[in-house]
């Protein structure tokens, strides 16, 4: 597995942990994604997070492998940009847990 995909996976794990803590223990925080909110209501927050993240990671893995075989430099640059955005998401979740 490529290093950038490992980073993507680690960022997703941090996102799961911080989102769960924020949604379960901070009354000032709510899920803004309406689809995720419905899933959380149906199967619970932790199972919903795991479900969405596993589906998302599998999709990212397939797309990355497909494009990496055809356009390796573009695929790597794209996952790097996605990881940069994910760092900001994780930092925002961390901030939400601190306030």
N, C-alpha and C. Protein backbone atom coordinates (compact mmCIF):
# COMPACT_ATOMS: atom_id res chain seq x y z
N UNK A 1 0.85 -1.18 0.00
CA UNK A 1 0.00 0.00 0.00
C UNK A 1 0.90 1.24 0.00
N UNK A 2 0.52 2.20 -0.78
CA UNK A 2 1.31 3.42 -0.90
C UNK A 2 1.24 4.25 0.39
N UNK A 3 2.32 4.97 0.67
CA UNK A 3 2.42 5.78 1.90
C UNK A 3 1.27 6.77 2.02
N UNK A 4 0.88 7.40 0.92
CA UNK A 4 -0.21 8.40 0.98
C UNK A 4 -1.54 7.75 1.35
N UNK A 5 -1.75 6.51 0.93
CA UNK A 5 -2.97 5.81 1.33
C UNK A 5 -2.94 5.46 2.81
N UNK A 6 -1.78 5.14 3.34
CA UNK A 6 -1.65 4.89 4.77
C UNK A 6 -1.95 6.15 5.56
N UNK A 7 -1.45 7.28 5.08
CA UNK A 7 -1.75 8.57 5.73
C UNK A 7 -3.25 8.84 5.68
N UNK A 8 -3.86 8.59 4.53
CA UNK A 8 -5.31 8.76 4.39
C UNK A 8 -6.05 7.89 5.41
N UNK A 9 -5.60 6.65 5.58
CA UNK A 9 -6.23 5.75 6.55
C UNK A 9 -6.07 6.25 7.97
N UNK A 10 -4.89 6.72 8.33
CA UNK A 10 -4.64 7.25 9.67
C UNK A 10 -5.51 8.48 9.94
N UNK A 11 -5.60 9.36 8.96
CA UNK A 11 -6.44 10.55 9.11
C UNK A 11 -7.91 10.17 9.29
N UNK A 12 -8.36 9.14 8.60
CA UNK A 12 -9.73 8.68 8.75
C UNK A 12 -9.98 8.09 10.14
N UNK A 13 -9.00 7.36 10.66
CA UNK A 13 -9.14 6.82 12.02
C UNK A 13 -9.22 7.95 13.04
N UNK A 14 -8.37 8.95 12.88
CA UNK A 14 -8.43 10.12 13.78
C UNK A 14 -9.78 10.84 13.64
N UNK A 15 -10.28 10.93 12.42
CA UNK A 15 -11.58 11.57 12.19
C UNK A 15 -12.69 10.78 12.88
N UNK A 16 -12.65 9.46 12.80
CA UNK A 16 -13.66 8.64 13.47
C UNK A 16 -13.64 8.91 14.98
N UNK A 17 -12.47 8.86 15.57
CA UNK A 17 -12.34 9.03 17.02
C UNK A 17 -12.82 10.41 17.45
N UNK A 18 -12.32 11.44 16.78
CA UNK A 18 -12.66 12.81 17.18
C UNK A 18 -14.13 13.14 16.89
N UNK A 19 -14.66 12.64 15.78
CA UNK A 19 -16.07 12.89 15.48
C UNK A 19 -16.96 12.19 16.49
N UNK A 20 -16.62 10.96 16.83
CA UNK A 20 -17.40 10.23 17.82
C UNK A 20 -17.41 10.96 19.16
N UNK A 21 -16.25 11.37 19.61
CA UNK A 21 -16.16 12.09 20.88
C UNK A 21 -16.99 13.37 20.83
N UNK A 22 -16.87 14.10 19.74
CA UNK A 22 -17.60 15.36 19.62
C UNK A 22 -19.11 15.14 19.61
N UNK A 23 -19.56 14.17 18.84
CA UNK A 23 -21.01 13.95 18.72
C UNK A 23 -21.62 13.34 19.98
N UNK A 24 -20.86 12.52 20.67
CA UNK A 24 -21.41 11.83 21.84
C UNK A 24 -21.24 12.60 23.14
N UNK A 25 -20.25 13.50 23.21
CA UNK A 25 -19.95 14.14 24.49
C UNK A 25 -20.02 15.66 24.47
N UNK A 26 -20.28 16.25 23.33
CA UNK A 26 -20.34 17.71 23.24
C UNK A 26 -21.72 18.10 22.70
N UNK A 27 -22.53 18.72 23.55
CA UNK A 27 -23.90 19.06 23.14
C UNK A 27 -23.94 20.22 22.15
N UNK A 28 -22.83 20.92 21.97
CA UNK A 28 -22.80 22.05 21.04
C UNK A 28 -22.46 21.61 19.61
N UNK A 29 -22.20 20.33 19.39
CA UNK A 29 -21.76 19.83 18.09
C UNK A 29 -22.83 18.91 17.51
N UNK A 30 -23.09 19.07 16.22
CA UNK A 30 -24.00 18.15 15.54
C UNK A 30 -23.42 17.82 14.16
N UNK A 31 -23.83 16.70 13.62
CA UNK A 31 -23.36 16.28 12.30
C UNK A 31 -24.02 17.16 11.24
N UNK A 32 -23.21 17.75 10.38
CA UNK A 32 -23.72 18.64 9.35
C UNK A 32 -24.11 17.91 8.07
N UNK A 33 -23.58 16.71 7.87
CA UNK A 33 -23.89 15.94 6.68
C UNK A 33 -25.24 15.25 6.89
N UNK A 34 -26.27 15.61 6.10
CA UNK A 34 -27.60 15.04 6.34
C UNK A 34 -27.66 13.54 6.11
N UNK A 35 -26.89 13.02 5.17
CA UNK A 35 -26.89 11.58 4.92
C UNK A 35 -26.27 10.85 6.11
N UNK A 36 -25.14 11.36 6.60
CA UNK A 36 -24.50 10.76 7.77
C UNK A 36 -25.42 10.82 8.97
N UNK A 37 -26.13 11.93 9.15
CA UNK A 37 -27.05 12.07 10.30
C UNK A 37 -28.12 10.98 10.27
N UNK A 38 -28.67 10.71 9.09
CA UNK A 38 -29.69 9.67 8.97
C UNK A 38 -29.11 8.30 9.31
N UNK A 39 -27.91 8.04 8.80
CA UNK A 39 -27.26 6.75 9.09
C UNK A 39 -26.98 6.62 10.58
N UNK A 40 -26.51 7.69 11.20
CA UNK A 40 -26.22 7.66 12.64
C UNK A 40 -27.49 7.38 13.44
N UNK A 41 -28.61 7.97 13.03
CA UNK A 41 -29.88 7.75 13.72
C UNK A 41 -30.34 6.30 13.58
N UNK A 42 -30.08 5.70 12.42
CA UNK A 42 -30.56 4.35 12.14
C UNK A 42 -29.72 3.27 12.83
N UNK A 43 -28.38 3.40 12.78
CA UNK A 43 -27.54 2.31 13.29
C UNK A 43 -26.60 2.74 14.43
N UNK A 44 -26.67 4.00 14.81
CA UNK A 44 -25.82 4.49 15.89
C UNK A 44 -24.60 5.21 15.35
N UNK A 45 -24.06 6.08 16.16
CA UNK A 45 -22.95 6.94 15.73
C UNK A 45 -21.70 6.14 15.38
N UNK A 46 -21.26 5.26 16.27
CA UNK A 46 -19.99 4.56 16.01
C UNK A 46 -20.11 3.62 14.83
N UNK A 47 -21.23 2.88 14.75
CA UNK A 47 -21.40 1.97 13.61
C UNK A 47 -21.58 2.75 12.31
N UNK A 48 -22.26 3.88 12.38
CA UNK A 48 -22.42 4.72 11.20
C UNK A 48 -21.09 5.29 10.72
N UNK A 49 -20.28 5.76 11.67
CA UNK A 49 -18.95 6.26 11.30
C UNK A 49 -18.10 5.17 10.66
N UNK A 50 -18.08 4.00 11.28
CA UNK A 50 -17.30 2.89 10.74
C UNK A 50 -17.80 2.49 9.35
N UNK A 51 -19.10 2.41 9.19
CA UNK A 51 -19.69 2.06 7.90
C UNK A 51 -19.28 3.06 6.82
N UNK A 52 -19.46 4.34 7.10
CA UNK A 52 -19.13 5.37 6.11
C UNK A 52 -17.64 5.41 5.80
N UNK A 53 -16.81 5.27 6.82
CA UNK A 53 -15.36 5.34 6.60
C UNK A 53 -14.85 4.11 5.84
N UNK A 54 -15.38 2.94 6.15
CA UNK A 54 -14.94 1.74 5.42
C UNK A 54 -15.34 1.84 3.95
N UNK A 55 -16.57 2.24 3.69
CA UNK A 55 -17.02 2.42 2.30
C UNK A 55 -16.15 3.47 1.61
N UNK A 56 -15.92 4.59 2.27
CA UNK A 56 -15.11 5.66 1.69
C UNK A 56 -13.68 5.23 1.41
N UNK A 57 -13.09 4.48 2.35
CA UNK A 57 -11.71 4.03 2.16
C UNK A 57 -11.62 3.02 1.02
N UNK A 58 -12.58 2.11 0.95
CA UNK A 58 -12.57 1.13 -0.13
C UNK A 58 -12.72 1.82 -1.49
N UNK A 59 -13.59 2.80 -1.55
CA UNK A 59 -13.77 3.55 -2.79
C UNK A 59 -12.49 4.30 -3.16
N UNK A 60 -11.87 4.95 -2.18
CA UNK A 60 -10.63 5.68 -2.43
C UNK A 60 -9.53 4.73 -2.89
N UNK A 61 -9.44 3.57 -2.27
CA UNK A 61 -8.43 2.58 -2.65
C UNK A 61 -8.61 2.13 -4.10
N UNK A 62 -9.84 1.84 -4.49
CA UNK A 62 -10.11 1.43 -5.86
C UNK A 62 -9.81 2.54 -6.86
N UNK A 63 -10.26 3.75 -6.56
CA UNK A 63 -10.00 4.87 -7.46
C UNK A 63 -8.51 5.17 -7.58
N UNK A 64 -7.82 5.15 -6.44
CA UNK A 64 -6.39 5.42 -6.46
C UNK A 64 -5.66 4.38 -7.31
N UNK A 65 -5.95 3.11 -7.09
CA UNK A 65 -5.28 2.05 -7.86
C UNK A 65 -5.57 2.16 -9.34
N UNK A 66 -6.82 2.46 -9.68
CA UNK A 66 -7.20 2.61 -11.09
C UNK A 66 -6.40 3.74 -11.75
N UNK A 67 -6.42 4.90 -11.12
CA UNK A 67 -5.74 6.05 -11.71
C UNK A 67 -4.22 5.97 -11.58
N UNK A 68 -3.73 5.32 -10.53
CA UNK A 68 -2.28 5.18 -10.35
C UNK A 68 -1.67 4.36 -11.49
N UNK A 69 -2.40 3.36 -11.94
CA UNK A 69 -1.90 2.54 -13.05
C UNK A 69 -1.83 3.32 -14.36
N UNK A 70 -2.70 4.30 -14.53
CA UNK A 70 -2.72 5.08 -15.77
C UNK A 70 -1.94 6.39 -15.66
N UNK A 71 -2.11 7.07 -14.53
CA UNK A 71 -1.51 8.39 -14.32
C UNK A 71 -0.91 8.46 -12.92
N UNK A 72 0.22 7.82 -12.70
CA UNK A 72 0.75 7.73 -11.32
C UNK A 72 1.03 9.08 -10.67
N UNK A 73 1.61 10.00 -11.40
CA UNK A 73 1.93 11.30 -10.79
C UNK A 73 0.66 12.06 -10.41
N UNK A 74 -0.33 12.05 -11.27
CA UNK A 74 -1.59 12.73 -10.97
C UNK A 74 -2.31 12.08 -9.79
N UNK A 75 -2.28 10.76 -9.75
CA UNK A 75 -2.94 10.05 -8.64
C UNK A 75 -2.27 10.40 -7.32
N UNK A 76 -0.94 10.43 -7.29
CA UNK A 76 -0.23 10.78 -6.06
C UNK A 76 -0.49 12.22 -5.65
N UNK A 77 -0.47 13.13 -6.61
CA UNK A 77 -0.74 14.53 -6.28
C UNK A 77 -2.16 14.71 -5.76
N UNK A 78 -3.11 13.99 -6.33
CA UNK A 78 -4.50 14.10 -5.89
C UNK A 78 -4.67 13.60 -4.47
N UNK A 79 -4.10 12.45 -4.14
CA UNK A 79 -4.23 11.92 -2.78
C UNK A 79 -3.50 12.81 -1.78
N UNK A 80 -2.41 13.43 -2.19
CA UNK A 80 -1.71 14.37 -1.30
C UNK A 80 -2.60 15.57 -0.99
N UNK A 81 -3.30 16.10 -1.99
CA UNK A 81 -4.21 17.23 -1.78
C UNK A 81 -5.36 16.82 -0.88
N UNK A 82 -5.92 15.63 -1.11
CA UNK A 82 -7.00 15.13 -0.26
C UNK A 82 -6.52 15.00 1.18
N UNK A 83 -5.30 14.50 1.36
CA UNK A 83 -4.75 14.36 2.72
C UNK A 83 -4.57 15.72 3.39
N UNK A 84 -4.16 16.72 2.64
CA UNK A 84 -4.01 18.07 3.21
C UNK A 84 -5.36 18.57 3.70
N UNK A 85 -6.41 18.40 2.89
CA UNK A 85 -7.74 18.81 3.32
C UNK A 85 -8.18 18.02 4.56
N UNK A 86 -7.84 16.73 4.59
CA UNK A 86 -8.23 15.91 5.72
C UNK A 86 -7.52 16.33 7.00
N UNK A 87 -6.30 16.82 6.89
CA UNK A 87 -5.60 17.35 8.06
C UNK A 87 -6.41 18.49 8.66
N UNK A 88 -6.94 19.37 7.81
CA UNK A 88 -7.75 20.48 8.32
C UNK A 88 -9.05 19.98 8.95
N UNK A 89 -9.64 18.94 8.39
CA UNK A 89 -10.85 18.36 8.98
C UNK A 89 -10.54 17.80 10.37
N UNK A 90 -9.45 17.06 10.49
CA UNK A 90 -9.06 16.49 11.78
C UNK A 90 -8.74 17.59 12.78
N UNK A 91 -8.02 18.63 12.34
CA UNK A 91 -7.73 19.75 13.24
C UNK A 91 -9.01 20.46 13.69
N UNK A 92 -9.97 20.62 12.79
CA UNK A 92 -11.25 21.23 13.14
C UNK A 92 -11.98 20.36 14.17
N UNK A 93 -11.96 19.05 13.96
CA UNK A 93 -12.61 18.16 14.93
C UNK A 93 -11.92 18.22 16.28
N UNK A 94 -10.61 18.31 16.27
CA UNK A 94 -9.86 18.46 17.52
C UNK A 94 -10.26 19.75 18.22
N UNK A 95 -10.33 20.83 17.47
CA UNK A 95 -10.74 22.13 18.01
C UNK A 95 -12.16 22.03 18.60
N UNK A 96 -13.08 21.38 17.87
CA UNK A 96 -14.45 21.23 18.35
C UNK A 96 -14.51 20.48 19.67
N UNK A 97 -13.58 19.56 19.86
CA UNK A 97 -13.55 18.79 21.12
C UNK A 97 -12.95 19.59 22.27
N UNK A 98 -12.19 20.61 21.94
CA UNK A 98 -11.53 21.41 22.99
C UNK A 98 -12.40 22.55 23.48
N UNK A 99 -13.38 22.99 22.68
CA UNK A 99 -14.20 24.13 23.12
C UNK A 99 -15.40 23.65 23.91
